[in-house]
PDB file of N, CA and C in Angstrom:
ATOM      1  N   UNK A   1     -43.463  12.337 -44.852  1.00  0.00           N
ATOM      2  CA  UNK A   1     -44.983  11.753 -44.875  1.00  0.00           C
ATOM      3  C   UNK A   1     -45.119  11.494 -43.436  1.00  0.00           C
ATOM      4  N   UNK A   2     -46.200  12.110 -42.652  1.00  0.00           N
ATOM      5  CA  UNK A   2     -46.693  12.004 -41.431  1.00  0.00           C
ATOM      6  C   UNK A   2     -47.539  10.788 -41.198  1.00  0.00           C
ATOM      7  N   UNK A   3     -48.046  10.156 -42.297  1.00  0.00           N
ATOM      8  CA  UNK A   3     -48.847   9.075 -42.107  1.00  0.00           C
ATOM      9  C   UNK A   3     -48.432   7.904 -41.985  1.00  0.00           C
ATOM     10  N   UNK A   4     -48.802   6.994 -41.085  1.00  0.00           N
ATOM     11  CA  UNK A   4     -48.135   5.543 -40.833  1.00  0.00           C
ATOM     12  C   UNK A   4     -49.196   4.548 -40.904  1.00  0.00           C
ATOM     13  N   UNK A   5     -48.900   3.079 -40.904  1.00  0.00           N
ATOM     14  CA  UNK A   5     -49.665   2.117 -40.875  1.00  0.00           C
ATOM     15  C   UNK A   5     -50.431   2.117 -39.571  1.00  0.00           C
ATOM     16  N   UNK A   6     -51.669   1.748 -39.511  1.00  0.00           N
ATOM     17  CA  UNK A   6     -52.631   1.747 -38.463  1.00  0.00           C
ATOM     18  C   UNK A   6     -53.262   2.936 -38.155  1.00  0.00           C
ATOM     19  N   UNK A   7     -52.800   4.244 -38.739  1.00  0.00           N
ATOM     20  CA  UNK A   7     -53.208   5.569 -38.254  1.00  0.00           C
ATOM     21  C   UNK A   7     -54.914   5.440 -38.980  1.00  0.00           C
ATOM     22  N   UNK A   8     -55.675   6.357 -38.193  1.00  0.00           N
ATOM     23  CA  UNK A   8     -56.948   6.544 -38.576  1.00  0.00           C
ATOM     24  C   UNK A   8     -56.970   7.870 -39.431  1.00  0.00           C
ATOM     25  N   UNK A   9     -57.552   7.787 -40.755  1.00  0.00           N
ATOM     26  CA  UNK A   9     -57.352   8.931 -41.378  1.00  0.00           C
ATOM     27  C   UNK A   9     -58.881   9.158 -42.043  1.00  0.00           C
ATOM     28  N   UNK A  10     -58.864  10.548 -42.658  1.00  0.00           N
ATOM     29  CA  UNK A  10     -60.026  10.974 -43.224  1.00  0.00           C
ATOM     30  C   UNK A  10     -59.726  11.473 -44.499  1.00  0.00           C
ATOM     31  N   UNK A  11     -60.584  11.028 -45.670  1.00  0.00           N
ATOM     32  CA  UNK A  11     -60.270  11.387 -47.048  1.00  0.00           C
ATOM     33  C   UNK A  11     -60.749  12.887 -47.281  1.00  0.00           C
ATOM     34  N   UNK A  12     -59.850  13.947 -47.900  1.00  0.00           N
ATOM     35  CA  UNK A  12     -60.184  15.252 -47.947  1.00  0.00           C
ATOM     36  C   UNK A  12     -60.907  15.454 -49.359  1.00  0.00           C
ATOM     37  N   UNK A  13     -60.489  14.737 -50.465  1.00  0.00           N
ATOM     38  CA  UNK A  13     -61.137  15.109 -51.749  1.00  0.00           C
ATOM     39  C   UNK A  13     -61.276  13.768 -52.615  1.00  0.00           C
ATOM     40  N   UNK A  14     -61.993  13.878 -53.509  1.00  0.00           N
ATOM     41  CA  UNK A  14     -62.259  12.735 -54.444  1.00  0.00           C
ATOM     42  C   UNK A  14     -63.617  12.064 -54.214  1.00  0.00           C
ATOM     43  N   UNK A  15     -63.929  10.951 -54.980  1.00  0.00           N
ATOM     44  CA  UNK A  15     -65.044  10.343 -54.821  1.00  0.00           C
ATOM     45  C   UNK A  15     -65.462   9.715 -53.289  1.00  0.00           C
ATOM     46  N   UNK A  16     -64.563   9.378 -52.533  1.00  0.00           N
ATOM     47  CA  UNK A  16     -64.625   9.051 -51.279  1.00  0.00           C
ATOM     48  C   UNK A  16     -64.496  10.133 -50.157  1.00  0.00           C
ATOM     49  N   UNK A  17     -64.704  11.315 -50.403  1.00  0.00           N
ATOM     50  CA  UNK A  17     -64.481  12.408 -49.786  1.00  0.00           C
ATOM     51  C   UNK A  17     -65.387  12.341 -48.301  1.00  0.00           C
ATOM     52  N   UNK A  18     -64.611  12.667 -47.215  1.00  0.00           N
ATOM     53  CA  UNK A  18     -65.323  12.371 -45.828  1.00  0.00           C
ATOM     54  C   UNK A  18     -65.238  11.081 -45.166  1.00  0.00           C
ATOM     55  N   UNK A  19     -64.787  10.054 -45.677  1.00  0.00           N
ATOM     56  CA  UNK A  19     -64.757   8.621 -45.317  1.00  0.00           C
ATOM     57  C   UNK A  19     -63.770   8.444 -44.413  1.00  0.00           C
ATOM     58  N   UNK A  20     -63.768   7.830 -43.212  1.00  0.00           N
ATOM     59  CA  UNK A  20     -62.710   7.610 -42.392  1.00  0.00           C
ATOM     60  C   UNK A  20     -62.354   6.187 -42.491  1.00  0.00           C
ATOM     61  N   UNK A  21     -61.037   5.839 -42.386  1.00  0.00           N
ATOM     62  CA  UNK A  21     -60.644   4.522 -42.544  1.00  0.00           C
ATOM     63  C   UNK A  21     -59.327   4.412 -41.820  1.00  0.00           C
ATOM     64  N   UNK A  22     -58.878   3.101 -41.711  1.00  0.00           N
ATOM     65  CA  UNK A  22     -57.513   2.711 -41.175  1.00  0.00           C
ATOM     66  C   UNK A  22     -56.566   2.706 -42.248  1.00  0.00           C
ATOM     67  N   UNK A  23     -55.387   2.946 -42.204  1.00  0.00           N
ATOM     68  CA  UNK A  23     -54.340   2.832 -43.071  1.00  0.00           C
ATOM     69  C   UNK A  23     -53.753   1.428 -43.225  1.00  0.00           C
ATOM     70  N   UNK A  24     -53.952   0.664 -44.159  1.00  0.00           N
ATOM     71  CA  UNK A  24     -53.423  -0.589 -44.196  1.00  0.00           C
ATOM     72  C   UNK A  24     -51.955  -0.690 -44.728  1.00  0.00           C
ATOM     73  N   UNK A  25     -51.467   0.294 -45.713  1.00  0.00           N
ATOM     74  CA  UNK A  25     -50.099   0.456 -46.026  1.00  0.00           C
ATOM     75  C   UNK A  25     -49.750   1.637 -46.391  1.00  0.00           C
ATOM     76  N   UNK A  26     -48.567   2.023 -45.823  1.00  0.00           N
ATOM     77  CA  UNK A  26     -48.016   3.370 -46.247  1.00  0.00           C
ATOM     78  C   UNK A  26     -46.844   3.182 -47.158  1.00  0.00           C
ATOM     79  N   UNK A  27     -46.804   3.804 -48.264  1.00  0.00           N
ATOM     80  CA  UNK A  27     -45.539   3.908 -49.086  1.00  0.00           C
ATOM     81  C   UNK A  27     -45.002   5.235 -49.205  1.00  0.00           C
ATOM     82  N   UNK A  28     -44.036   5.519 -48.312  1.00  0.00           N
ATOM     83  CA  UNK A  28     -43.182   6.856 -48.242  1.00  0.00           C
ATOM     84  C   UNK A  28     -42.521   7.343 -49.404  1.00  0.00           C
ATOM     85  N   UNK A  29     -41.953   6.332 -50.155  1.00  0.00           N
ATOM     86  CA  UNK A  29     -41.183   6.797 -51.390  1.00  0.00           C
ATOM     87  C   UNK A  29     -42.000   7.199 -52.465  1.00  0.00           C
ATOM     88  N   UNK A  30     -43.291   6.643 -52.616  1.00  0.00           N
ATOM     89  CA  UNK A  30     -44.370   6.926 -53.654  1.00  0.00           C
ATOM     90  C   UNK A  30     -45.244   8.089 -53.061  1.00  0.00           C
ATOM     91  N   UNK A  31     -45.267   8.421 -51.754  1.00  0.00           N
ATOM     92  CA  UNK A  31     -45.986   9.359 -51.141  1.00  0.00           C
ATOM     93  C   UNK A  31     -47.682   8.841 -51.416  1.00  0.00           C
ATOM     94  N   UNK A  32     -47.857   7.556 -51.075  1.00  0.00           N
ATOM     95  CA  UNK A  32     -49.162   7.042 -51.282  1.00  0.00           C
ATOM     96  C   UNK A  32     -49.374   6.262 -50.011  1.00  0.00           C
ATOM     97  N   UNK A  33     -50.780   5.962 -49.801  1.00  0.00           N
ATOM     98  CA  UNK A  33     -51.256   5.102 -48.805  1.00  0.00           C
ATOM     99  C   UNK A  33     -52.381   4.399 -49.346  1.00  0.00           C
ATOM    100  N   UNK A  34     -52.622   3.053 -48.794  1.00  0.00           N
ATOM    101  CA  UNK A  34     -53.721   2.342 -48.897  1.00  0.00           C
ATOM    102  C   UNK A  34     -54.743   2.397 -47.708  1.00  0.00           C
ATOM    103  N   UNK A  35     -55.922   2.738 -47.704  1.00  0.00           N
ATOM    104  CA  UNK A  35     -56.698   2.933 -46.735  1.00  0.00           C
ATOM    105  C   UNK A  35     -57.902   1.925 -46.771  1.00  0.00           C
ATOM    106  N   UNK A  36     -58.469   1.584 -45.721  1.00  0.00           N
ATOM    107  CA  UNK A  36     -59.263   0.429 -45.668  1.00  0.00           C
ATOM    108  C   UNK A  36     -60.756   0.959 -46.195  1.00  0.00           C
ATOM    109  N   UNK A  37     -61.560   0.389 -47.301  1.00  0.00           N
ATOM    110  CA  UNK A  37     -62.578   0.716 -47.913  1.00  0.00           C
ATOM    111  C   UNK A  37     -62.728   1.964 -48.762  1.00  0.00           C
ATOM    112  N   UNK A  38     -61.698   2.336 -49.028  1.00  0.00           N
ATOM    113  CA  UNK A  38     -61.455   3.522 -49.796  1.00  0.00           C
ATOM    114  C   UNK A  38     -60.756   3.336 -51.225  1.00  0.00           C
ATOM    115  N   UNK A  39     -61.288   3.850 -52.349  1.00  0.00           N
ATOM    116  CA  UNK A  39     -60.675   3.980 -53.546  1.00  0.00           C
ATOM    117  C   UNK A  39     -60.666   2.330 -54.044  1.00  0.00           C
ATOM    118  N   UNK A  40     -61.761   1.847 -54.052  1.00  0.00           N
ATOM    119  CA  UNK A  40     -62.125   0.449 -54.531  1.00  0.00           C
ATOM    120  C   UNK A  40     -61.834   0.253 -55.961  1.00  0.00           C
ATOM    121  N   UNK A  41     -61.358  -0.915 -56.419  1.00  0.00           N
ATOM    122  CA  UNK A  41     -61.317  -1.099 -57.702  1.00  0.00           C
ATOM    123  C   UNK A  41     -61.743  -2.629 -57.962  1.00  0.00           C
ATOM    124  N   UNK A  42     -62.619  -2.873 -59.073  1.00  0.00           N
ATOM    125  CA  UNK A  42     -62.906  -4.328 -59.316  1.00  0.00           C
ATOM    126  C   UNK A  42     -61.944  -5.022 -60.141  1.00  0.00           C
ATOM    127  N   UNK A  43     -61.576  -6.190 -59.510  1.00  0.00           N
ATOM    128  CA  UNK A  43     -60.564  -7.042 -60.118  1.00  0.00           C
ATOM    129  C   UNK A  43     -61.241  -8.423 -60.509  1.00  0.00           C
ATOM    130  N   UNK A  44     -60.901  -8.801 -61.763  1.00  0.00           N
ATOM    131  CA  UNK A  44     -61.427 -10.158 -62.161  1.00  0.00           C
ATOM    132  C   UNK A  44     -60.381 -11.044 -62.076  1.00  0.00           C
ATOM    133  N   UNK A  45     -60.714 -12.125 -61.242  1.00  0.00           N
ATOM    134  CA  UNK A  45     -59.599 -13.051 -60.887  1.00  0.00           C
ATOM    135  C   UNK A  45     -59.936 -14.550 -61.415  1.00  0.00           C
ATOM    136  N   UNK A  46     -58.823 -15.207 -61.876  1.00  0.00           N
ATOM    137  CA  UNK A  46     -58.996 -16.491 -62.326  1.00  0.00           C
ATOM    138  C   UNK A  46     -58.677 -17.408 -61.121  1.00  0.00           C
ATOM    139  N   UNK A  47     -59.350 -18.493 -61.199  1.00  0.00           N
ATOM    140  CA  UNK A  47     -59.027 -19.455 -60.076  1.00  0.00           C
ATOM    141  C   UNK A  47     -57.661 -20.230 -60.465  1.00  0.00           C
ATOM    142  N   UNK A  48     -56.649 -19.973 -59.514  1.00  0.00           N
ATOM    143  CA  UNK A  48     -55.230 -20.635 -59.765  1.00  0.00           C
ATOM    144  C   UNK A  48     -54.954 -21.999 -59.425  1.00  0.00           C
ATOM    145  N   UNK A  49     -55.702 -22.495 -58.481  1.00  0.00           N
ATOM    146  CA  UNK A  49     -55.585 -23.878 -57.855  1.00  0.00           C
ATOM    147  C   UNK A  49     -56.810 -24.617 -58.260  1.00  0.00           C
ATOM    148  N   UNK A  50     -56.949 -25.886 -58.150  1.00  0.00           N
ATOM    149  CA  UNK A  50     -58.024 -26.678 -58.290  1.00  0.00           C
ATOM    150  C   UNK A  50     -59.032 -26.497 -57.057  1.00  0.00           C
ATOM    151  N   UNK A  51     -60.201 -25.985 -57.132  1.00  0.00           N
ATOM    152  CA  UNK A  51     -61.103 -25.817 -56.340  1.00  0.00           C
ATOM    153  C   UNK A  51     -61.294 -24.593 -55.697  1.00  0.00           C
ATOM    154  N   UNK A  52     -60.106 -23.634 -56.047  1.00  0.00           N
ATOM    155  CA  UNK A  52     -60.207 -22.379 -55.702  1.00  0.00           C
ATOM    156  C   UNK A  52     -61.239 -21.557 -56.537  1.00  0.00           C
ATOM    157  N   UNK A  53     -62.039 -20.770 -55.903  1.00  0.00           N
ATOM    158  CA  UNK A  53     -62.961 -19.925 -56.763  1.00  0.00           C
ATOM    159  C   UNK A  53     -62.337 -18.817 -57.586  1.00  0.00           C
ATOM    160  N   UNK A  54     -63.028 -18.379 -58.717  1.00  0.00           N
ATOM    161  CA  UNK A  54     -62.278 -17.206 -59.269  1.00  0.00           C
ATOM    162  C   UNK A  54     -63.693 -16.153 -59.237  1.00  0.00           C
ATOM    163  N   UNK A  55     -63.612 -15.262 -59.744  1.00  0.00           N
ATOM    164  CA  UNK A  55     -64.787 -14.200 -59.863  1.00  0.00           C
ATOM    165  C   UNK A  55     -64.281 -12.723 -59.668  1.00  0.00           C
ATOM    166  N   UNK A  56     -65.316 -11.919 -59.434  1.00  0.00           N
ATOM    167  CA  UNK A  56     -64.974 -10.414 -59.244  1.00  0.00           C
ATOM    168  C   UNK A  56     -64.949 -10.091 -57.947  1.00  0.00           C
ATOM    169  N   UNK A  57     -63.828  -9.267 -57.676  1.00  0.00           N
ATOM    170  CA  UNK A  57     -63.618  -8.817 -56.112  1.00  0.00           C
ATOM    171  C   UNK A  57     -63.287  -7.301 -55.976  1.00  0.00           C
ATOM    172  N   UNK A  58     -63.497  -6.955 -55.037  1.00  0.00           N
ATOM    173  CA  UNK A  58     -63.309  -5.433 -54.745  1.00  0.00           C
ATOM    174  C   UNK A  58     -61.953  -5.517 -54.003  1.00  0.00           C
ATOM    175  N   UNK A  59     -61.138  -4.597 -54.550  1.00  0.00           N
ATOM    176  CA  UNK A  59     -59.711  -4.430 -53.806  1.00  0.00           C
ATOM    177  C   UNK A  59     -59.231  -2.855 -53.740  1.00  0.00           C
ATOM    178  N   UNK A  60     -58.840  -2.632 -52.632  1.00  0.00           N
ATOM    179  CA  UNK A  60     -58.248  -1.251 -52.268  1.00  0.00           C
ATOM    180  C   UNK A  60     -57.099  -0.910 -53.135  1.00  0.00           C
ATOM    181  N   UNK A  61     -57.090   0.273 -53.704  1.00  0.00           N
ATOM    182  CA  UNK A  61     -55.869   0.672 -54.559  1.00  0.00           C
ATOM    183  C   UNK A  61     -55.220   1.926 -53.791  1.00  0.00           C
ATOM    184  N   UNK A  62     -54.134   2.212 -54.076  1.00  0.00           N
ATOM    185  CA  UNK A  62     -53.384   3.400 -53.461  1.00  0.00           C
ATOM    186  C   UNK A  62     -54.038   4.839 -53.737  1.00  0.00           C
ATOM    187  N   UNK A  63     -53.785   5.593 -52.686  1.00  0.00           N
ATOM    188  CA  UNK A  63     -54.346   6.904 -52.885  1.00  0.00           C
ATOM    189  C   UNK A  63     -53.093   7.975 -52.444  1.00  0.00           C
ATOM    190  N   UNK A  64     -53.148   9.121 -52.924  1.00  0.00           N
ATOM    191  CA  UNK A  64     -52.127   9.997 -52.714  1.00  0.00           C
ATOM    192  C   UNK A  64     -52.189  10.498 -51.194  1.00  0.00           C
ATOM    193  N   UNK A  65     -51.100  10.622 -50.521  1.00  0.00           N
ATOM    194  CA  UNK A  65     -50.996  10.888 -49.107  1.00  0.00           C
ATOM    195  C   UNK A  65     -51.498  12.196 -48.985  1.00  0.00           C
ATOM    196  N   UNK A  66     -51.460  13.248 -49.847  1.00  0.00           N
ATOM    197  CA  UNK A  66     -51.882  14.597 -49.693  1.00  0.00           C
ATOM    198  C   UNK A  66     -53.387  14.831 -49.648  1.00  0.00           C
ATOM    199  N   UNK A  67     -54.069  13.668 -50.212  1.00  0.00           N
ATOM    200  CA  UNK A  67     -55.565  13.640 -50.214  1.00  0.00           C
ATOM    201  C   UNK A  67     -56.213  13.078 -48.882  1.00  0.00           C
ATOM    202  N   UNK A  68     -55.275  12.694 -47.811  1.00  0.00           N
ATOM    203  CA  UNK A  68     -55.900  12.304 -46.693  1.00  0.00           C
ATOM    204  C   UNK A  68     -55.353  13.174 -45.624  1.00  0.00           C
ATOM    205  N   UNK A  69     -56.011  13.143 -44.345  1.00  0.00           N
ATOM    206  CA  UNK A  69     -55.415  13.804 -43.207  1.00  0.00           C
ATOM    207  C   UNK A  69     -55.707  12.945 -41.988  1.00  0.00           C
ATOM    208  N   UNK A  70     -54.702  13.048 -40.888  1.00  0.00           N
ATOM    209  CA  UNK A  70     -54.888  12.232 -39.798  1.00  0.00           C
ATOM    210  C   UNK A  70     -56.188  12.660 -39.042  1.00  0.00           C
ATOM    211  N   UNK A  71     -56.851  11.819 -38.437  1.00  0.00           N
ATOM    212  CA  UNK A  71     -58.229  11.967 -37.912  1.00  0.00           C
ATOM    213  C   UNK A  71     -57.895  12.125 -36.360  1.00  0.00           C
ATOM    214  N   UNK A  72     -58.456  13.138 -35.596  1.00  0.00           N
ATOM    215  CA  UNK A  72     -58.301  13.329 -34.298  1.00  0.00           C
ATOM    216  C   UNK A  72     -59.712  13.123 -33.671  1.00  0.00           C
ATOM    217  N   UNK A  73     -59.922  12.117 -32.711  1.00  0.00           N
ATOM    218  CA  UNK A  73     -60.945  11.852 -32.165  1.00  0.00           C
ATOM    219  C   UNK A  73     -61.526  12.952 -31.223  1.00  0.00           C
ATOM    220  N   UNK A  74     -60.698  13.862 -30.746  1.00  0.00           N
ATOM    221  CA  UNK A  74     -61.131  14.887 -29.771  1.00  0.00           C
ATOM    222  C   UNK A  74     -61.942  15.881 -30.630  1.00  0.00           C
ATOM    223  N   UNK A  75     -61.031  16.339 -31.678  1.00  0.00           N
ATOM    224  CA  UNK A  75     -61.811  17.428 -32.598  1.00  0.00           C
ATOM    225  C   UNK A  75     -62.862  16.857 -33.415  1.00  0.00           C
ATOM    226  N   UNK A  76     -62.830  15.370 -33.809  1.00  0.00           N
ATOM    227  CA  UNK A  76     -63.822  14.877 -34.524  1.00  0.00           C
ATOM    228  C   UNK A  76     -63.740  15.396 -36.037  1.00  0.00           C
ATOM    229  N   UNK A  77     -62.508  15.626 -36.310  1.00  0.00           N
ATOM    230  CA  UNK A  77     -62.151  16.002 -37.968  1.00  0.00           C
ATOM    231  C   UNK A  77     -60.733  15.672 -38.158  1.00  0.00           C
ATOM    232  N   UNK A  78     -60.421  15.861 -39.513  1.00  0.00           N
ATOM    233  CA  UNK A  78     -59.092  15.805 -39.915  1.00  0.00           C
ATOM    234  C   UNK A  78     -58.266  16.974 -39.629  1.00  0.00           C
ATOM    235  N   UNK A  79     -56.977  16.804 -39.122  1.00  0.00           N
ATOM    236  CA  UNK A  79     -56.279  17.812 -38.706  1.00  0.00           C
ATOM    237  C   UNK A  79     -54.722  17.604 -39.049  1.00  0.00           C
ATOM    238  N   UNK A  80     -53.936  18.753 -39.006  1.00  0.00           N
ATOM    239  CA  UNK A  80     -52.481  18.752 -39.321  1.00  0.00           C
ATOM    240  C   UNK A  80     -51.938  18.318 -37.872  1.00  0.00           C
ATOM    241  N   UNK A  81     -50.826  17.846 -37.956  1.00  0.00           N
ATOM    242  CA  UNK A  81     -49.965  17.297 -36.669  1.00  0.00           C
ATOM    243  C   UNK A  81     -48.795  18.113 -36.528  1.00  0.00           C
ATOM    244  N   UNK A  82     -48.345  18.270 -35.217  1.00  0.00           N
ATOM    245  CA  UNK A  82     -47.148  18.834 -34.805  1.00  0.00           C
ATOM    246  C   UNK A  82     -46.443  17.676 -34.101  1.00  0.00           C
ATOM    247  N   UNK A  83     -45.124  18.092 -33.525  1.00  0.00           N
ATOM    248  CA  UNK A  83     -44.482  17.121 -32.723  1.00  0.00           C
ATOM    249  C   UNK A  83     -43.933  17.742 -31.396  1.00  0.00           C
ATOM    250  N   UNK A  84     -44.176  16.833 -30.478  1.00  0.00           N
ATOM    251  CA  UNK A  84     -43.780  17.209 -28.879  1.00  0.00           C
ATOM    252  C   UNK A  84     -42.782  16.386 -28.670  1.00  0.00           C
ATOM    253  N   UNK A  85     -41.433  16.852 -28.080  1.00  0.00           N
ATOM    254  CA  UNK A  85     -40.381  16.060 -27.533  1.00  0.00           C
ATOM    255  C   UNK A  85     -40.463  16.308 -26.154  1.00  0.00           C
ATOM    256  N   UNK A  86     -40.315  15.004 -25.526  1.00  0.00           N
ATOM    257  CA  UNK A  86     -40.209  14.974 -23.946  1.00  0.00           C
ATOM    258  C   UNK A  86     -39.172  14.117 -23.807  1.00  0.00           C
ATOM    259  N   UNK A  87     -37.982  14.646 -23.362  1.00  0.00           N
ATOM    260  CA  UNK A  87     -36.885  13.662 -23.100  1.00  0.00           C
ATOM    261  C   UNK A  87     -36.527  13.325 -24.237  1.00  0.00           C
ATOM    262  N   UNK A  88     -36.428  11.916 -24.396  1.00  0.00           N
ATOM    263  CA  UNK A  88     -36.076  11.269 -25.969  1.00  0.00           C
ATOM    264  C   UNK A  88     -37.216  10.610 -26.502  1.00  0.00           C
ATOM    265  N   UNK A  89     -38.495  11.042 -26.037  1.00  0.00           N
ATOM    266  CA  UNK A  89     -39.572  10.479 -26.714  1.00  0.00           C
ATOM    267  C   UNK A  89     -40.240  11.585 -27.612  1.00  0.00           C
ATOM    268  N   UNK A  90     -40.410  11.247 -28.884  1.00  0.00           N
ATOM    269  CA  UNK A  90     -41.063  12.254 -29.678  1.00  0.00           C
ATOM    270  C   UNK A  90     -42.367  11.553 -30.122  1.00  0.00           C
ATOM    271  N   UNK A  91     -43.551  12.613 -29.706  1.00  0.00           N
ATOM    272  CA  UNK A  91     -44.965  12.057 -29.942  1.00  0.00           C
ATOM    273  C   UNK A  91     -45.573  13.178 -31.035  1.00  0.00           C
ATOM    274  N   UNK A  92     -46.542  12.438 -31.760  1.00  0.00           N
ATOM    275  CA  UNK A  92     -47.469  13.389 -32.645  1.00  0.00           C
ATOM    276  C   UNK A  92     -48.522  13.917 -31.883  1.00  0.00           C
ATOM    277  N   UNK A  93     -48.818  15.270 -32.115  1.00  0.00           N
ATOM    278  CA  UNK A  93     -49.963  15.876 -31.397  1.00  0.00           C
ATOM    279  C   UNK A  93     -50.735  16.648 -32.407  1.00  0.00           C
ATOM    280  N   UNK A  94     -51.976  16.844 -32.110  1.00  0.00           N
ATOM    281  CA  UNK A  94     -53.072  17.649 -32.905  1.00  0.00           C
ATOM    282  C   UNK A  94     -52.657  19.071 -32.776  1.00  0.00           C
ATOM    283  N   UNK A  95     -52.642  19.832 -33.824  1.00  0.00           N
ATOM    284  CA  UNK A  95     -52.289  21.273 -33.897  1.00  0.00           C
ATOM    285  C   UNK A  95     -53.563  22.073 -33.258  1.00  0.00           C
ATOM    286  N   UNK A  96     -54.717  21.631 -33.290  1.00  0.00           N
ATOM    287  CA  UNK A  96     -55.707  22.284 -32.892  1.00  0.00           C
ATOM    288  C   UNK A  96     -56.020  22.285 -31.280  1.00  0.00           C
ATOM    289  N   UNK A  97     -56.145  20.957 -30.949  1.00  0.00           N
ATOM    290  CA  UNK A  97     -56.446  20.890 -29.498  1.00  0.00           C
ATOM    291  C   UNK A  97     -55.163  20.373 -28.489  1.00  0.00           C
ATOM    292  N   UNK A  98     -54.170  19.854 -29.322  1.00  0.00           N
ATOM    293  CA  UNK A  98     -52.878  19.608 -28.486  1.00  0.00           C
ATOM    294  C   UNK A  98     -52.935  18.056 -28.093  1.00  0.00           C
ATOM    295  N   UNK A  99     -54.057  17.316 -28.447  1.00  0.00           N
ATOM    296  CA  UNK A  99     -54.193  15.908 -28.010  1.00  0.00           C
ATOM    297  C   UNK A  99     -53.145  15.045 -28.662  1.00  0.00           C
ATOM    298  N   UNK A 100     -52.640  14.013 -27.989  1.00  0.00           N
ATOM    299  CA  UNK A 100     -51.697  12.965 -28.526  1.00  0.00           C
ATOM    300  C   UNK A 100     -52.550  12.203 -29.699  1.00  0.00           C
ATOM    301  N   UNK A 101     -51.885  11.918 -30.779  1.00  0.00           N
ATOM    302  CA  UNK A 101     -52.534  11.002 -31.779  1.00  0.00           C
ATOM    303  C   UNK A 101     -51.645   9.816 -32.003  1.00  0.00           C
TER     304      UNK A 101
END
């Protein structure tokens, strides 16, 4: 899985298609990611402590990693990535324009 925490991604399919967001959590073993303000679910919470409010909150839920693509600001769209090795440093680059991601 090429997507990591704090990457900017764009959603390729589903109800949130075209939405850009930051990856909050990456789960490589499950091939899933949690993206900011994407795939929101409504959760009804009870107050657990005295004085704590309960109510209905919106929470991000995981989305399959194959449904998102890394966002290249230079190309202004979701792109596939390649790797460039310079000495001992390995960097991710955009396949279309060659810019570092």
